[in-house]
Amino acid sequence: MSDAAQPTAAEVRAAAEAVKVALDRHLAAVEHRTGEDDPAVSEAFNALAVAAEVYDERLYHRYDEVTPFEIPDPDDSLPPYNGPEEPNALSVLIRRDYAVVEPQRLLAQAQRIADAEGDTGTGGVVGGSVHAALGVLFGEYEPDEIASRHKEFGLEEGDSTLWVSAADDLPEPGEWLAAPFDQADPQQVVCRFDVSAVFDEDDLDAALDDLEEQDA
């Protein structure tokens, strides 16, 4: 969630109720669809995706549990796979976006790292430079650790994506280091996982408002 406050049990329950409402509406739209591209079905699908995403997020932050389903965004569907049937190699392509929302926290953490390593040269460079602080931070921690501890470093998560791409053979050593994503081919992707702020709290609020109107 965008803020640090843990959702209440009532908020988790409300999100679950929104999923139930969205499921019923999606089924009703499918049952009464007028064709393959019925906009009512698409709208109901998107509403279900929003409700499920928010419920999953609240469930995780409150109870450290997740749901067993994932509703893909139709706009993010992959083209038909055209890679090797039996891949001998694979590439894992990851992009994670962050916003620097607390520069002073970031600077303090970078300074602490520099001081702990006794690197007075780096410590002097950090100063008030966010650029230098990011270099220290990503030089010290693996990207996965930064992802799990981003709030400690004054960062806020944006969208992220992970592509697992198949290949017949590994590239030659050093071949792609200067341009690591230039050769990414969507038709070689075996699977893909996206996290996006597209599903936000405003969408859930709209679903909850609809639920309240039904109960009235």
N, C-alpha and C. Protein backbone atom coordinates (compact mmCIF):
# COMPACT_ATOMS: atom_id res chain seq x y z
N MET A 1 0.84 -1.20 0.00
CA MET A 1 0.00 0.00 0.00
C MET A 1 0.88 1.25 0.00
N SER A 2 0.33 2.36 -0.48
CA SER A 2 1.14 3.54 -0.64
C SER A 2 1.53 4.16 0.69
N ASP A 3 0.70 4.04 1.74
CA ASP A 3 1.08 4.58 3.03
C ASP A 3 1.48 3.43 3.95
N ALA A 4 2.07 3.79 5.10
CA ALA A 4 2.63 2.79 5.99
C ALA A 4 1.58 2.18 6.92
N ALA A 5 0.38 2.74 6.97
CA ALA A 5 -0.65 2.27 7.89
C ALA A 5 -1.14 0.88 7.49
N GLN A 6 -1.21 0.00 8.47
CA GLN A 6 -1.70 -1.35 8.21
C GLN A 6 -3.22 -1.30 8.09
N PRO A 7 -3.81 -1.99 7.10
CA PRO A 7 -5.27 -1.99 6.98
C PRO A 7 -5.92 -2.67 8.17
N THR A 8 -7.11 -2.22 8.52
CA THR A 8 -7.83 -2.84 9.62
C THR A 8 -8.53 -4.10 9.13
N ALA A 9 -8.97 -4.92 10.08
CA ALA A 9 -9.72 -6.13 9.73
C ALA A 9 -10.99 -5.76 8.97
N ALA A 10 -11.62 -4.64 9.36
CA ALA A 10 -12.85 -4.21 8.67
C ALA A 10 -12.55 -3.81 7.22
N GLU A 11 -11.40 -3.20 6.98
CA GLU A 11 -11.05 -2.82 5.61
C GLU A 11 -10.77 -4.05 4.74
N VAL A 12 -10.16 -5.08 5.35
CA VAL A 12 -9.94 -6.32 4.61
C VAL A 12 -11.28 -6.96 4.27
N ARG A 13 -12.20 -6.99 5.24
CA ARG A 13 -13.53 -7.56 5.02
C ARG A 13 -14.27 -6.79 3.94
N ALA A 14 -14.17 -5.46 3.96
CA ALA A 14 -14.85 -4.64 2.94
C ALA A 14 -14.28 -4.94 1.56
N ALA A 15 -12.97 -5.13 1.47
CA ALA A 15 -12.36 -5.47 0.19
C ALA A 15 -12.84 -6.83 -0.30
N ALA A 16 -13.01 -7.78 0.62
CA ALA A 16 -13.53 -9.10 0.24
C ALA A 16 -14.97 -8.99 -0.28
N GLU A 17 -15.78 -8.16 0.37
CA GLU A 17 -17.15 -7.96 -0.08
C GLU A 17 -17.18 -7.33 -1.48
N ALA A 18 -16.23 -6.42 -1.73
CA ALA A 18 -16.16 -5.79 -3.06
C ALA A 18 -15.83 -6.83 -4.13
N VAL A 19 -14.99 -7.81 -3.78
CA VAL A 19 -14.68 -8.88 -4.74
C VAL A 19 -15.93 -9.69 -5.04
N LYS A 20 -16.73 -10.00 -4.01
CA LYS A 20 -17.96 -10.77 -4.22
C LYS A 20 -18.92 -10.02 -5.15
N VAL A 21 -19.05 -8.73 -4.92
CA VAL A 21 -19.93 -7.92 -5.78
C VAL A 21 -19.41 -7.93 -7.22
N ALA A 22 -18.10 -7.77 -7.36
CA ALA A 22 -17.51 -7.74 -8.70
C ALA A 22 -17.65 -9.08 -9.41
N LEU A 23 -17.54 -10.18 -8.66
CA LEU A 23 -17.73 -11.51 -9.25
C LEU A 23 -19.15 -11.68 -9.79
N ASP A 24 -20.13 -11.28 -8.98
CA ASP A 24 -21.53 -11.40 -9.41
C ASP A 24 -21.79 -10.57 -10.66
N ARG A 25 -21.24 -9.37 -10.69
CA ARG A 25 -21.47 -8.49 -11.83
C ARG A 25 -20.76 -9.03 -13.07
N HIS A 26 -19.59 -9.60 -12.90
CA HIS A 26 -18.87 -10.15 -14.04
C HIS A 26 -19.65 -11.33 -14.62
N LEU A 27 -20.15 -12.21 -13.77
CA LEU A 27 -20.91 -13.36 -14.25
C LEU A 27 -22.18 -12.89 -14.96
N ALA A 28 -22.87 -11.90 -14.38
CA ALA A 28 -24.09 -11.39 -15.01
C ALA A 28 -23.78 -10.79 -16.38
N ALA A 29 -22.67 -10.07 -16.48
CA ALA A 29 -22.30 -9.46 -17.76
C ALA A 29 -21.98 -10.54 -18.80
N VAL A 30 -21.30 -11.60 -18.37
CA VAL A 30 -20.98 -12.69 -19.29
C VAL A 30 -22.24 -13.41 -19.75
N GLU A 31 -23.16 -13.64 -18.81
CA GLU A 31 -24.40 -14.35 -19.14
C GLU A 31 -25.25 -13.57 -20.14
N HIS A 32 -25.14 -12.23 -20.13
CA HIS A 32 -25.98 -11.41 -20.98
C HIS A 32 -25.18 -10.69 -22.07
N ARG A 33 -24.00 -11.18 -22.39
CA ARG A 33 -23.16 -10.49 -23.36
C ARG A 33 -23.81 -10.51 -24.74
N THR A 34 -23.51 -9.48 -25.50
CA THR A 34 -24.10 -9.33 -26.83
C THR A 34 -23.15 -9.74 -27.94
N GLY A 35 -21.91 -10.10 -27.60
CA GLY A 35 -20.93 -10.51 -28.60
C GLY A 35 -19.57 -10.67 -27.95
N GLU A 36 -18.58 -11.01 -28.78
CA GLU A 36 -17.24 -11.26 -28.23
C GLU A 36 -16.60 -10.03 -27.62
N ASP A 37 -16.92 -8.85 -28.12
CA ASP A 37 -16.31 -7.60 -27.64
C ASP A 37 -17.31 -6.74 -26.87
N ASP A 38 -18.18 -7.38 -26.12
CA ASP A 38 -19.18 -6.65 -25.35
C ASP A 38 -18.49 -5.74 -24.33
N PRO A 39 -18.69 -4.42 -24.41
CA PRO A 39 -18.01 -3.51 -23.47
C PRO A 39 -18.42 -3.74 -22.02
N ALA A 40 -19.64 -4.24 -21.79
CA ALA A 40 -20.08 -4.51 -20.43
C ALA A 40 -19.23 -5.60 -19.78
N VAL A 41 -18.86 -6.60 -20.59
CA VAL A 41 -18.01 -7.68 -20.07
C VAL A 41 -16.62 -7.14 -19.75
N SER A 42 -16.08 -6.32 -20.64
CA SER A 42 -14.75 -5.74 -20.40
C SER A 42 -14.74 -4.88 -19.15
N GLU A 43 -15.81 -4.09 -18.99
CA GLU A 43 -15.89 -3.23 -17.81
C GLU A 43 -15.99 -4.06 -16.53
N ALA A 44 -16.79 -5.12 -16.58
CA ALA A 44 -16.93 -5.98 -15.41
C ALA A 44 -15.62 -6.72 -15.11
N PHE A 45 -14.92 -7.13 -16.15
CA PHE A 45 -13.62 -7.79 -15.99
C PHE A 45 -12.64 -6.86 -15.28
N ASN A 46 -12.56 -5.63 -15.75
CA ASN A 46 -11.62 -4.68 -15.14
C ASN A 46 -11.99 -4.38 -13.70
N ALA A 47 -13.27 -4.27 -13.41
CA ALA A 47 -13.71 -4.01 -12.04
C ALA A 47 -13.35 -5.19 -11.13
N LEU A 48 -13.48 -6.40 -11.64
CA LEU A 48 -13.11 -7.59 -10.87
C LEU A 48 -11.61 -7.61 -10.61
N ALA A 49 -10.82 -7.25 -11.62
CA ALA A 49 -9.37 -7.22 -11.46
C ALA A 49 -8.96 -6.21 -10.40
N VAL A 50 -9.60 -5.04 -10.42
CA VAL A 50 -9.31 -4.00 -9.43
C VAL A 50 -9.63 -4.50 -8.02
N ALA A 51 -10.82 -5.04 -7.85
CA ALA A 51 -11.26 -5.49 -6.53
C ALA A 51 -10.36 -6.62 -6.00
N ALA A 52 -10.01 -7.57 -6.88
CA ALA A 52 -9.17 -8.69 -6.46
C ALA A 52 -7.78 -8.22 -6.07
N GLU A 53 -7.23 -7.26 -6.82
CA GLU A 53 -5.89 -6.75 -6.53
C GLU A 53 -5.86 -6.07 -5.17
N VAL A 54 -6.85 -5.25 -4.89
CA VAL A 54 -6.87 -4.51 -3.62
C VAL A 54 -7.10 -5.47 -2.45
N TYR A 55 -7.98 -6.46 -2.64
CA TYR A 55 -8.21 -7.45 -1.59
C TYR A 55 -6.93 -8.22 -1.29
N ASP A 56 -6.24 -8.65 -2.34
CA ASP A 56 -5.00 -9.40 -2.17
C ASP A 56 -3.97 -8.57 -1.40
N GLU A 57 -3.88 -7.29 -1.76
CA GLU A 57 -2.92 -6.41 -1.10
C GLU A 57 -3.26 -6.19 0.37
N ARG A 58 -4.53 -5.93 0.65
CA ARG A 58 -4.93 -5.72 2.05
C ARG A 58 -4.78 -6.99 2.87
N LEU A 59 -5.12 -8.12 2.28
CA LEU A 59 -4.99 -9.40 2.97
C LEU A 59 -3.54 -9.65 3.35
N TYR A 60 -2.64 -9.33 2.42
CA TYR A 60 -1.22 -9.55 2.68
C TYR A 60 -0.71 -8.64 3.79
N HIS A 61 -1.06 -7.36 3.71
CA HIS A 61 -0.55 -6.40 4.69
C HIS A 61 -1.14 -6.61 6.08
N ARG A 62 -2.35 -7.16 6.15
CA ARG A 62 -2.98 -7.38 7.45
C ARG A 62 -2.62 -8.74 8.05
N TYR A 63 -2.66 -9.79 7.20
CA TYR A 63 -2.51 -11.16 7.71
C TYR A 63 -1.31 -11.91 7.14
N ASP A 64 -0.54 -11.26 6.26
CA ASP A 64 0.60 -11.92 5.63
C ASP A 64 0.16 -13.17 4.85
N GLU A 65 -0.98 -13.06 4.19
CA GLU A 65 -1.53 -14.14 3.36
C GLU A 65 -1.83 -13.58 1.96
N VAL A 66 -1.90 -14.48 0.97
CA VAL A 66 -2.22 -14.06 -0.39
C VAL A 66 -3.33 -14.93 -0.94
N THR A 67 -3.94 -14.48 -2.03
CA THR A 67 -4.99 -15.26 -2.69
C THR A 67 -4.36 -16.19 -3.72
N PRO A 68 -5.04 -17.26 -4.09
CA PRO A 68 -4.47 -18.22 -5.02
C PRO A 68 -4.74 -17.90 -6.49
N PHE A 69 -5.30 -16.72 -6.77
CA PHE A 69 -5.61 -16.41 -8.15
C PHE A 69 -5.01 -15.08 -8.56
N GLU A 70 -4.80 -14.93 -9.83
CA GLU A 70 -4.29 -13.69 -10.41
C GLU A 70 -5.06 -13.41 -11.69
N ILE A 71 -5.62 -12.21 -11.79
CA ILE A 71 -6.38 -11.83 -12.98
C ILE A 71 -5.50 -10.98 -13.87
N PRO A 72 -5.11 -11.45 -15.05
CA PRO A 72 -4.21 -10.67 -15.89
C PRO A 72 -4.91 -9.48 -16.53
N ASP A 73 -4.14 -8.47 -16.80
CA ASP A 73 -4.65 -7.30 -17.52
C ASP A 73 -4.65 -7.65 -19.01
N PRO A 74 -5.80 -7.54 -19.70
CA PRO A 74 -5.82 -7.90 -21.11
C PRO A 74 -4.89 -7.06 -21.96
N ASP A 75 -4.57 -5.85 -21.52
CA ASP A 75 -3.66 -5.00 -22.29
C ASP A 75 -2.22 -5.49 -22.21
N ASP A 76 -1.93 -6.36 -21.21
CA ASP A 76 -0.57 -6.84 -21.04
C ASP A 76 -0.38 -8.25 -21.57
N SER A 77 -1.32 -8.75 -22.36
CA SER A 77 -1.21 -10.12 -22.87
C SER A 77 -0.02 -10.23 -23.80
N LEU A 78 0.64 -11.39 -23.75
CA LEU A 78 1.83 -11.61 -24.57
C LEU A 78 1.45 -12.11 -25.95
N PRO A 79 2.28 -11.85 -26.94
CA PRO A 79 2.05 -12.44 -28.27
C PRO A 79 2.30 -13.94 -28.21
N PRO A 80 1.91 -14.68 -29.25
CA PRO A 80 2.15 -16.13 -29.24
C PRO A 80 3.63 -16.44 -29.08
N TYR A 81 3.91 -17.45 -28.26
CA TYR A 81 5.30 -17.84 -28.00
C TYR A 81 5.93 -18.40 -29.27
N ASN A 82 7.12 -17.91 -29.58
CA ASN A 82 7.80 -18.35 -30.79
C ASN A 82 9.25 -18.75 -30.49
N GLY A 83 9.50 -19.11 -29.22
CA GLY A 83 10.85 -19.48 -28.83
C GLY A 83 11.08 -20.97 -28.96
N PRO A 84 12.24 -21.44 -28.52
CA PRO A 84 12.56 -22.86 -28.62
C PRO A 84 11.63 -23.72 -27.76
N GLU A 85 11.29 -24.90 -28.28
CA GLU A 85 10.41 -25.81 -27.53
C GLU A 85 11.09 -26.33 -26.28
N GLU A 86 12.38 -26.56 -26.35
CA GLU A 86 13.15 -27.04 -25.20
C GLU A 86 14.32 -26.08 -24.97
N PRO A 87 14.07 -24.97 -24.26
CA PRO A 87 15.12 -23.96 -24.07
C PRO A 87 16.34 -24.54 -23.34
N ASN A 88 17.51 -24.17 -23.81
CA ASN A 88 18.75 -24.54 -23.15
C ASN A 88 19.28 -23.42 -22.27
N ALA A 89 18.66 -22.24 -22.37
CA ALA A 89 19.10 -21.09 -21.58
C ALA A 89 17.91 -20.17 -21.35
N LEU A 90 18.03 -19.27 -20.41
CA LEU A 90 16.96 -18.30 -20.17
C LEU A 90 17.56 -17.00 -19.66
N SER A 91 16.82 -15.93 -19.87
CA SER A 91 17.18 -14.61 -19.35
C SER A 91 16.02 -14.12 -18.49
N VAL A 92 16.33 -13.57 -17.33
CA VAL A 92 15.32 -12.99 -16.46
C VAL A 92 15.48 -11.48 -16.52
N LEU A 93 14.50 -10.79 -17.10
CA LEU A 93 14.54 -9.34 -17.27
C LEU A 93 13.63 -8.70 -16.23
N ILE A 94 14.18 -7.83 -15.43
CA ILE A 94 13.43 -7.21 -14.34
C ILE A 94 13.56 -5.69 -14.42
N ARG A 95 12.43 -5.03 -14.29
CA ARG A 95 12.44 -3.58 -14.11
C ARG A 95 11.57 -3.24 -12.92
N ARG A 96 12.11 -2.42 -12.01
CA ARG A 96 11.35 -1.91 -10.87
C ARG A 96 11.53 -0.40 -10.82
N ASP A 97 10.44 0.34 -10.71
CA ASP A 97 10.50 1.79 -10.60
C ASP A 97 10.28 2.21 -9.16
N TYR A 98 11.00 3.25 -8.74
CA TYR A 98 10.84 3.81 -7.40
C TYR A 98 10.77 5.33 -7.50
N ALA A 99 10.02 5.92 -6.59
CA ALA A 99 10.04 7.37 -6.41
C ALA A 99 10.83 7.67 -5.14
N VAL A 100 11.68 8.69 -5.20
CA VAL A 100 12.41 9.12 -4.01
C VAL A 100 11.50 10.08 -3.25
N VAL A 101 10.83 9.56 -2.23
CA VAL A 101 9.82 10.36 -1.52
C VAL A 101 10.36 10.97 -0.23
N GLU A 102 11.46 10.42 0.29
CA GLU A 102 12.08 10.96 1.50
C GLU A 102 13.58 11.09 1.27
N PRO A 103 14.00 12.13 0.57
CA PRO A 103 15.43 12.28 0.25
C PRO A 103 16.33 12.28 1.48
N GLN A 104 15.87 12.91 2.57
CA GLN A 104 16.71 12.97 3.76
C GLN A 104 16.94 11.58 4.36
N ARG A 105 15.92 10.74 4.32
CA ARG A 105 16.08 9.36 4.81
C ARG A 105 17.09 8.61 3.93
N LEU A 106 16.97 8.78 2.62
CA LEU A 106 17.90 8.14 1.69
C LEU A 106 19.32 8.60 1.96
N LEU A 107 19.51 9.90 2.13
CA LEU A 107 20.84 10.45 2.38
C LEU A 107 21.41 9.91 3.70
N ALA A 108 20.57 9.84 4.72
CA ALA A 108 21.04 9.35 6.02
C ALA A 108 21.45 7.89 5.95
N GLN A 109 20.69 7.08 5.23
CA GLN A 109 21.01 5.66 5.11
C GLN A 109 22.31 5.48 4.33
N ALA A 110 22.48 6.23 3.26
CA ALA A 110 23.71 6.13 2.48
C ALA A 110 24.92 6.58 3.30
N GLN A 111 24.73 7.64 4.09
CA GLN A 111 25.82 8.11 4.94
C GLN A 111 26.19 7.07 5.99
N ARG A 112 25.19 6.39 6.54
CA ARG A 112 25.43 5.34 7.54
C ARG A 112 26.25 4.21 6.93
N ILE A 113 25.90 3.83 5.67
CA ILE A 113 26.64 2.76 4.99
C ILE A 113 28.09 3.18 4.78
N ALA A 114 28.29 4.40 4.31
CA ALA A 114 29.64 4.89 4.05
C ALA A 114 30.45 4.96 5.34
N ASP A 115 29.82 5.43 6.42
CA ASP A 115 30.52 5.52 7.70
C ASP A 115 30.90 4.15 8.23
N ALA A 116 29.98 3.17 8.08
CA ALA A 116 30.24 1.82 8.57
C ALA A 116 31.40 1.17 7.83
N GLU A 117 31.57 1.52 6.56
CA GLU A 117 32.66 0.96 5.77
C GLU A 117 33.95 1.75 5.92
N GLY A 118 33.86 2.87 6.67
CA GLY A 118 35.05 3.69 6.86
C GLY A 118 35.51 4.35 5.59
N ASP A 119 34.60 4.53 4.65
CA ASP A 119 34.94 5.14 3.36
C ASP A 119 34.70 6.63 3.45
N THR A 120 35.67 7.36 3.93
CA THR A 120 35.49 8.80 4.12
C THR A 120 35.33 9.52 2.79
N GLY A 121 35.93 8.96 1.75
CA GLY A 121 35.78 9.59 0.43
C GLY A 121 34.35 9.54 -0.02
N THR A 122 33.73 8.34 0.07
CA THR A 122 32.32 8.21 -0.31
C THR A 122 31.44 9.04 0.60
N GLY A 123 31.75 9.03 1.90
CA GLY A 123 30.95 9.78 2.85
C GLY A 123 30.91 11.25 2.51
N GLY A 124 32.08 11.78 2.08
CA GLY A 124 32.10 13.17 1.71
C GLY A 124 31.29 13.44 0.47
N VAL A 125 31.28 12.49 -0.47
CA VAL A 125 30.55 12.68 -1.72
C VAL A 125 29.05 12.64 -1.48
N VAL A 126 28.59 11.77 -0.54
CA VAL A 126 27.15 11.64 -0.29
C VAL A 126 26.56 12.99 0.04
N GLY A 127 27.07 13.63 1.10
CA GLY A 127 26.61 14.96 1.45
C GLY A 127 25.12 15.16 1.24
N GLY A 128 24.75 16.08 0.37
CA GLY A 128 23.35 16.31 0.03
C GLY A 128 23.00 15.82 -1.35
N SER A 129 23.78 14.91 -1.92
CA SER A 129 23.57 14.44 -3.28
C SER A 129 22.76 13.15 -3.30
N VAL A 130 21.53 13.22 -3.80
CA VAL A 130 20.70 12.02 -3.95
C VAL A 130 21.33 11.07 -4.96
N HIS A 131 21.94 11.62 -6.00
CA HIS A 131 22.62 10.80 -7.01
C HIS A 131 23.69 9.93 -6.36
N ALA A 132 24.53 10.53 -5.53
CA ALA A 132 25.59 9.77 -4.87
C ALA A 132 25.01 8.78 -3.87
N ALA A 133 23.95 9.17 -3.18
CA ALA A 133 23.33 8.28 -2.19
C ALA A 133 22.76 7.02 -2.86
N LEU A 134 22.15 7.18 -4.02
CA LEU A 134 21.61 6.02 -4.74
C LEU A 134 22.74 5.08 -5.16
N GLY A 135 23.86 5.65 -5.58
CA GLY A 135 25.00 4.83 -5.95
C GLY A 135 25.51 4.02 -4.77
N VAL A 136 25.58 4.63 -3.60
CA VAL A 136 26.01 3.92 -2.39
C VAL A 136 25.02 2.82 -2.03
N LEU A 137 23.74 3.15 -2.07
CA LEU A 137 22.70 2.20 -1.68
C LEU A 137 22.70 0.96 -2.57
N PHE A 138 22.69 1.17 -3.89
CA PHE A 138 22.62 0.04 -4.81
C PHE A 138 23.97 -0.68 -4.94
N GLY A 139 25.04 -0.02 -4.49
CA GLY A 139 26.32 -0.70 -4.44
C GLY A 139 26.45 -1.61 -3.24
N GLU A 140 25.66 -1.33 -2.20
CA GLU A 140 25.74 -2.11 -0.96
C GLU A 140 24.75 -3.27 -0.93
N TYR A 141 23.52 -3.06 -1.44
CA TYR A 141 22.46 -4.05 -1.31
C TYR A 141 22.06 -4.63 -2.67
N GLU A 142 21.65 -5.91 -2.63
CA GLU A 142 21.09 -6.54 -3.82
C GLU A 142 19.73 -5.91 -4.14
N PRO A 143 19.33 -5.86 -5.41
CA PRO A 143 18.04 -5.25 -5.76
C PRO A 143 16.85 -5.88 -5.03
N ASP A 144 16.87 -7.20 -4.79
CA ASP A 144 15.76 -7.83 -4.08
C ASP A 144 15.66 -7.33 -2.65
N GLU A 145 16.80 -7.08 -2.00
CA GLU A 145 16.77 -6.56 -0.64
C GLU A 145 16.25 -5.14 -0.61
N ILE A 146 16.64 -4.34 -1.58
CA ILE A 146 16.11 -2.98 -1.67
C ILE A 146 14.60 -3.01 -1.89
N ALA A 147 14.14 -3.95 -2.72
CA ALA A 147 12.70 -4.06 -2.97
C ALA A 147 11.94 -4.37 -1.69
N SER A 148 12.50 -5.23 -0.84
CA SER A 148 11.80 -5.61 0.39
C SER A 148 11.94 -4.57 1.50
N ARG A 149 12.93 -3.68 1.38
CA ARG A 149 13.19 -2.70 2.44
C ARG A 149 13.10 -1.26 1.92
N HIS A 150 12.41 -1.06 0.79
CA HIS A 150 12.46 0.24 0.12
C HIS A 150 12.04 1.41 1.02
N LYS A 151 11.07 1.17 1.91
CA LYS A 151 10.59 2.27 2.76
C LYS A 151 11.68 2.76 3.71
N GLU A 152 12.56 1.83 4.14
CA GLU A 152 13.66 2.22 5.01
C GLU A 152 14.59 3.21 4.32
N PHE A 153 14.63 3.15 3.01
CA PHE A 153 15.56 3.98 2.25
C PHE A 153 14.88 5.21 1.64
N GLY A 154 13.66 5.50 2.08
CA GLY A 154 12.97 6.68 1.59
C GLY A 154 12.44 6.56 0.19
N LEU A 155 12.19 5.31 -0.26
CA LEU A 155 11.69 5.06 -1.60
C LEU A 155 10.24 4.58 -1.57
N GLU A 156 9.53 4.83 -2.65
CA GLU A 156 8.16 4.34 -2.81
C GLU A 156 8.07 3.55 -4.11
N GLU A 157 7.47 2.36 -4.04
CA GLU A 157 7.40 1.50 -5.21
C GLU A 157 6.50 2.08 -6.30
N GLY A 158 6.94 1.96 -7.54
CA GLY A 158 6.11 2.23 -8.70
C GLY A 158 5.76 0.91 -9.38
N ASP A 159 5.58 0.94 -10.67
CA ASP A 159 5.30 -0.30 -11.40
C ASP A 159 6.55 -1.18 -11.45
N SER A 160 6.31 -2.47 -11.62
CA SER A 160 7.43 -3.39 -11.82
C SER A 160 6.99 -4.51 -12.76
N THR A 161 7.96 -5.10 -13.44
CA THR A 161 7.67 -6.22 -14.33
C THR A 161 8.85 -7.17 -14.36
N LEU A 162 8.54 -8.45 -14.55
CA LEU A 162 9.56 -9.50 -14.65
C LEU A 162 9.22 -10.37 -15.84
N TRP A 163 10.16 -10.51 -16.76
CA TRP A 163 9.99 -11.37 -17.93
C TRP A 163 10.99 -12.52 -17.85
N VAL A 164 10.52 -13.73 -18.08
CA VAL A 164 11.39 -14.89 -18.21
C VAL A 164 11.42 -15.26 -19.69
N SER A 165 12.57 -15.05 -20.32
CA SER A 165 12.71 -15.22 -21.76
C SER A 165 13.59 -16.42 -22.06
N ALA A 166 13.14 -17.28 -22.99
CA ALA A 166 13.86 -18.51 -23.34
C ALA A 166 14.83 -18.27 -24.49
N ALA A 167 15.85 -19.11 -24.55
CA ALA A 167 16.83 -19.01 -25.64
C ALA A 167 17.43 -20.39 -25.89
N ASP A 168 18.00 -20.56 -27.07
CA ASP A 168 18.69 -21.82 -27.39
C ASP A 168 20.02 -21.91 -26.66
N ASP A 169 20.73 -20.80 -26.59
CA ASP A 169 22.05 -20.78 -25.97
C ASP A 169 22.27 -19.47 -25.24
N LEU A 170 23.18 -19.48 -24.28
CA LEU A 170 23.56 -18.25 -23.61
C LEU A 170 24.33 -17.35 -24.57
N PRO A 171 24.15 -16.03 -24.47
CA PRO A 171 24.96 -15.12 -25.30
C PRO A 171 26.44 -15.23 -24.91
N GLU A 172 27.29 -14.71 -25.77
CA GLU A 172 28.71 -14.67 -25.46
C GLU A 172 28.95 -13.75 -24.26
N PRO A 173 29.91 -14.06 -23.41
CA PRO A 173 30.20 -13.19 -22.25
C PRO A 173 30.43 -11.75 -22.66
N GLY A 174 29.75 -10.84 -21.99
CA GLY A 174 29.89 -9.41 -22.26
C GLY A 174 29.14 -8.89 -23.45
N GLU A 175 28.41 -9.76 -24.15
CA GLU A 175 27.79 -9.38 -25.42
C GLU A 175 26.71 -8.31 -25.26
N TRP A 176 25.88 -8.41 -24.21
CA TRP A 176 24.73 -7.51 -24.11
C TRP A 176 24.85 -6.48 -22.98
N LEU A 177 25.97 -6.44 -22.29
CA LEU A 177 26.06 -5.61 -21.08
C LEU A 177 25.85 -4.12 -21.34
N ALA A 178 26.22 -3.64 -22.51
CA ALA A 178 26.08 -2.20 -22.81
C ALA A 178 24.63 -1.82 -23.08
N ALA A 179 23.81 -2.76 -23.51
CA ALA A 179 22.40 -2.49 -23.82
C ALA A 179 21.58 -3.73 -23.43
N PRO A 180 21.34 -3.93 -22.14
CA PRO A 180 20.80 -5.21 -21.66
C PRO A 180 19.39 -5.55 -22.12
N PHE A 181 18.58 -4.54 -22.49
CA PHE A 181 17.19 -4.82 -22.84
C PHE A 181 16.88 -4.64 -24.32
N ASP A 182 17.88 -4.31 -25.11
CA ASP A 182 17.62 -4.04 -26.52
C ASP A 182 17.15 -5.27 -27.29
N GLN A 183 17.56 -6.45 -26.87
CA GLN A 183 17.23 -7.65 -27.62
C GLN A 183 16.04 -8.41 -27.02
N ALA A 184 15.32 -7.79 -26.09
CA ALA A 184 14.16 -8.46 -25.49
C ALA A 184 13.08 -8.68 -26.55
N ASP A 185 12.70 -9.93 -26.76
CA ASP A 185 11.70 -10.28 -27.77
C ASP A 185 10.47 -10.84 -27.07
N PRO A 186 9.32 -10.15 -27.11
CA PRO A 186 8.12 -10.65 -26.42
C PRO A 186 7.72 -12.06 -26.85
N GLN A 187 8.08 -12.46 -28.08
CA GLN A 187 7.72 -13.78 -28.54
C GLN A 187 8.61 -14.89 -27.96
N GLN A 188 9.65 -14.48 -27.24
CA GLN A 188 10.52 -15.45 -26.57
C GLN A 188 10.17 -15.59 -25.09
N VAL A 189 9.20 -14.79 -24.62
CA VAL A 189 8.88 -14.76 -23.19
C VAL A 189 8.04 -15.97 -22.81
N VAL A 190 8.52 -16.72 -21.84
CA VAL A 190 7.81 -17.89 -21.34
C VAL A 190 6.70 -17.47 -20.38
N CYS A 191 7.01 -16.55 -19.48
CA CYS A 191 6.01 -16.03 -18.54
C CYS A 191 6.39 -14.63 -18.13
N ARG A 192 5.41 -13.91 -17.61
CA ARG A 192 5.60 -12.50 -17.28
C ARG A 192 4.76 -12.17 -16.05
N PHE A 193 5.31 -11.34 -15.15
CA PHE A 193 4.60 -10.97 -13.94
C PHE A 193 4.70 -9.46 -13.76
N ASP A 194 3.54 -8.80 -13.66
CA ASP A 194 3.49 -7.35 -13.56
C ASP A 194 2.85 -6.92 -12.24
N VAL A 195 3.37 -5.83 -11.68
CA VAL A 195 2.75 -5.17 -10.54
C VAL A 195 2.60 -3.70 -10.92
N SER A 196 1.38 -3.15 -10.77
CA SER A 196 1.15 -1.80 -11.24
C SER A 196 0.23 -1.04 -10.29
N ALA A 197 0.45 0.25 -10.22
CA ALA A 197 -0.41 1.12 -9.43
C ALA A 197 -1.71 1.45 -10.16
N VAL A 198 -1.95 0.82 -11.31
CA VAL A 198 -3.20 1.03 -12.04
C VAL A 198 -4.39 0.66 -11.15
N PHE A 199 -4.23 -0.41 -10.36
CA PHE A 199 -5.28 -0.82 -9.46
C PHE A 199 -5.09 -0.07 -8.15
N ASP A 200 -5.76 1.04 -7.98
CA ASP A 200 -5.53 1.88 -6.81
C ASP A 200 -6.75 1.96 -5.92
N GLU A 201 -6.59 2.69 -4.83
CA GLU A 201 -7.64 2.77 -3.82
C GLU A 201 -8.89 3.46 -4.34
N ASP A 202 -8.76 4.39 -5.29
CA ASP A 202 -9.94 5.08 -5.81
C ASP A 202 -10.89 4.09 -6.47
N ASP A 203 -10.33 3.09 -7.17
CA ASP A 203 -11.18 2.10 -7.81
C ASP A 203 -11.91 1.25 -6.78
N LEU A 204 -11.23 0.92 -5.68
CA LEU A 204 -11.88 0.15 -4.63
C LEU A 204 -12.98 0.97 -3.98
N ASP A 205 -12.72 2.25 -3.74
CA ASP A 205 -13.74 3.11 -3.13
C ASP A 205 -15.00 3.12 -3.97
N ALA A 206 -14.86 3.16 -5.29
CA ALA A 206 -16.02 3.15 -6.17
C ALA A 206 -16.78 1.83 -6.02
N ALA A 207 -16.03 0.72 -5.93
CA ALA A 207 -16.68 -0.58 -5.75
C ALA A 207 -17.41 -0.66 -4.42
N LEU A 208 -16.80 -0.10 -3.37
CA LEU A 208 -17.45 -0.11 -2.06
C LEU A 208 -18.70 0.77 -2.05
N ASP A 209 -18.65 1.90 -2.77
CA ASP A 209 -19.82 2.76 -2.86
C ASP A 209 -20.98 2.01 -3.54
N ASP A 210 -20.66 1.27 -4.58
CA ASP A 210 -21.70 0.48 -5.26
C ASP A 210 -22.29 -0.58 -4.33
N LEU A 211 -21.40 -1.18 -3.51
CA LEU A 211 -21.85 -2.19 -2.57
C LEU A 211 -22.82 -1.60 -1.55
N GLU A 212 -22.48 -0.41 -1.04
CA GLU A 212 -23.33 0.24 -0.05
C GLU A 212 -24.69 0.60 -0.65
N GLU A 213 -24.69 1.02 -1.93
CA GLU A 213 -25.96 1.35 -2.57
C GLU A 213 -26.85 0.12 -2.71
N GLN A 214 -26.22 -1.05 -2.97
CA GLN A 214 -26.99 -2.28 -3.08
C GLN A 214 -27.60 -2.68 -1.74
N ASP A 215 -26.81 -2.46 -0.66
CA ASP A 215 -27.29 -2.85 0.68
C ASP A 215 -28.34 -1.89 1.22
N ALA A 216 -28.39 -0.68 0.65
CA ALA A 216 -29.33 0.33 1.17
C ALA A 216 -30.77 -0.06 0.90
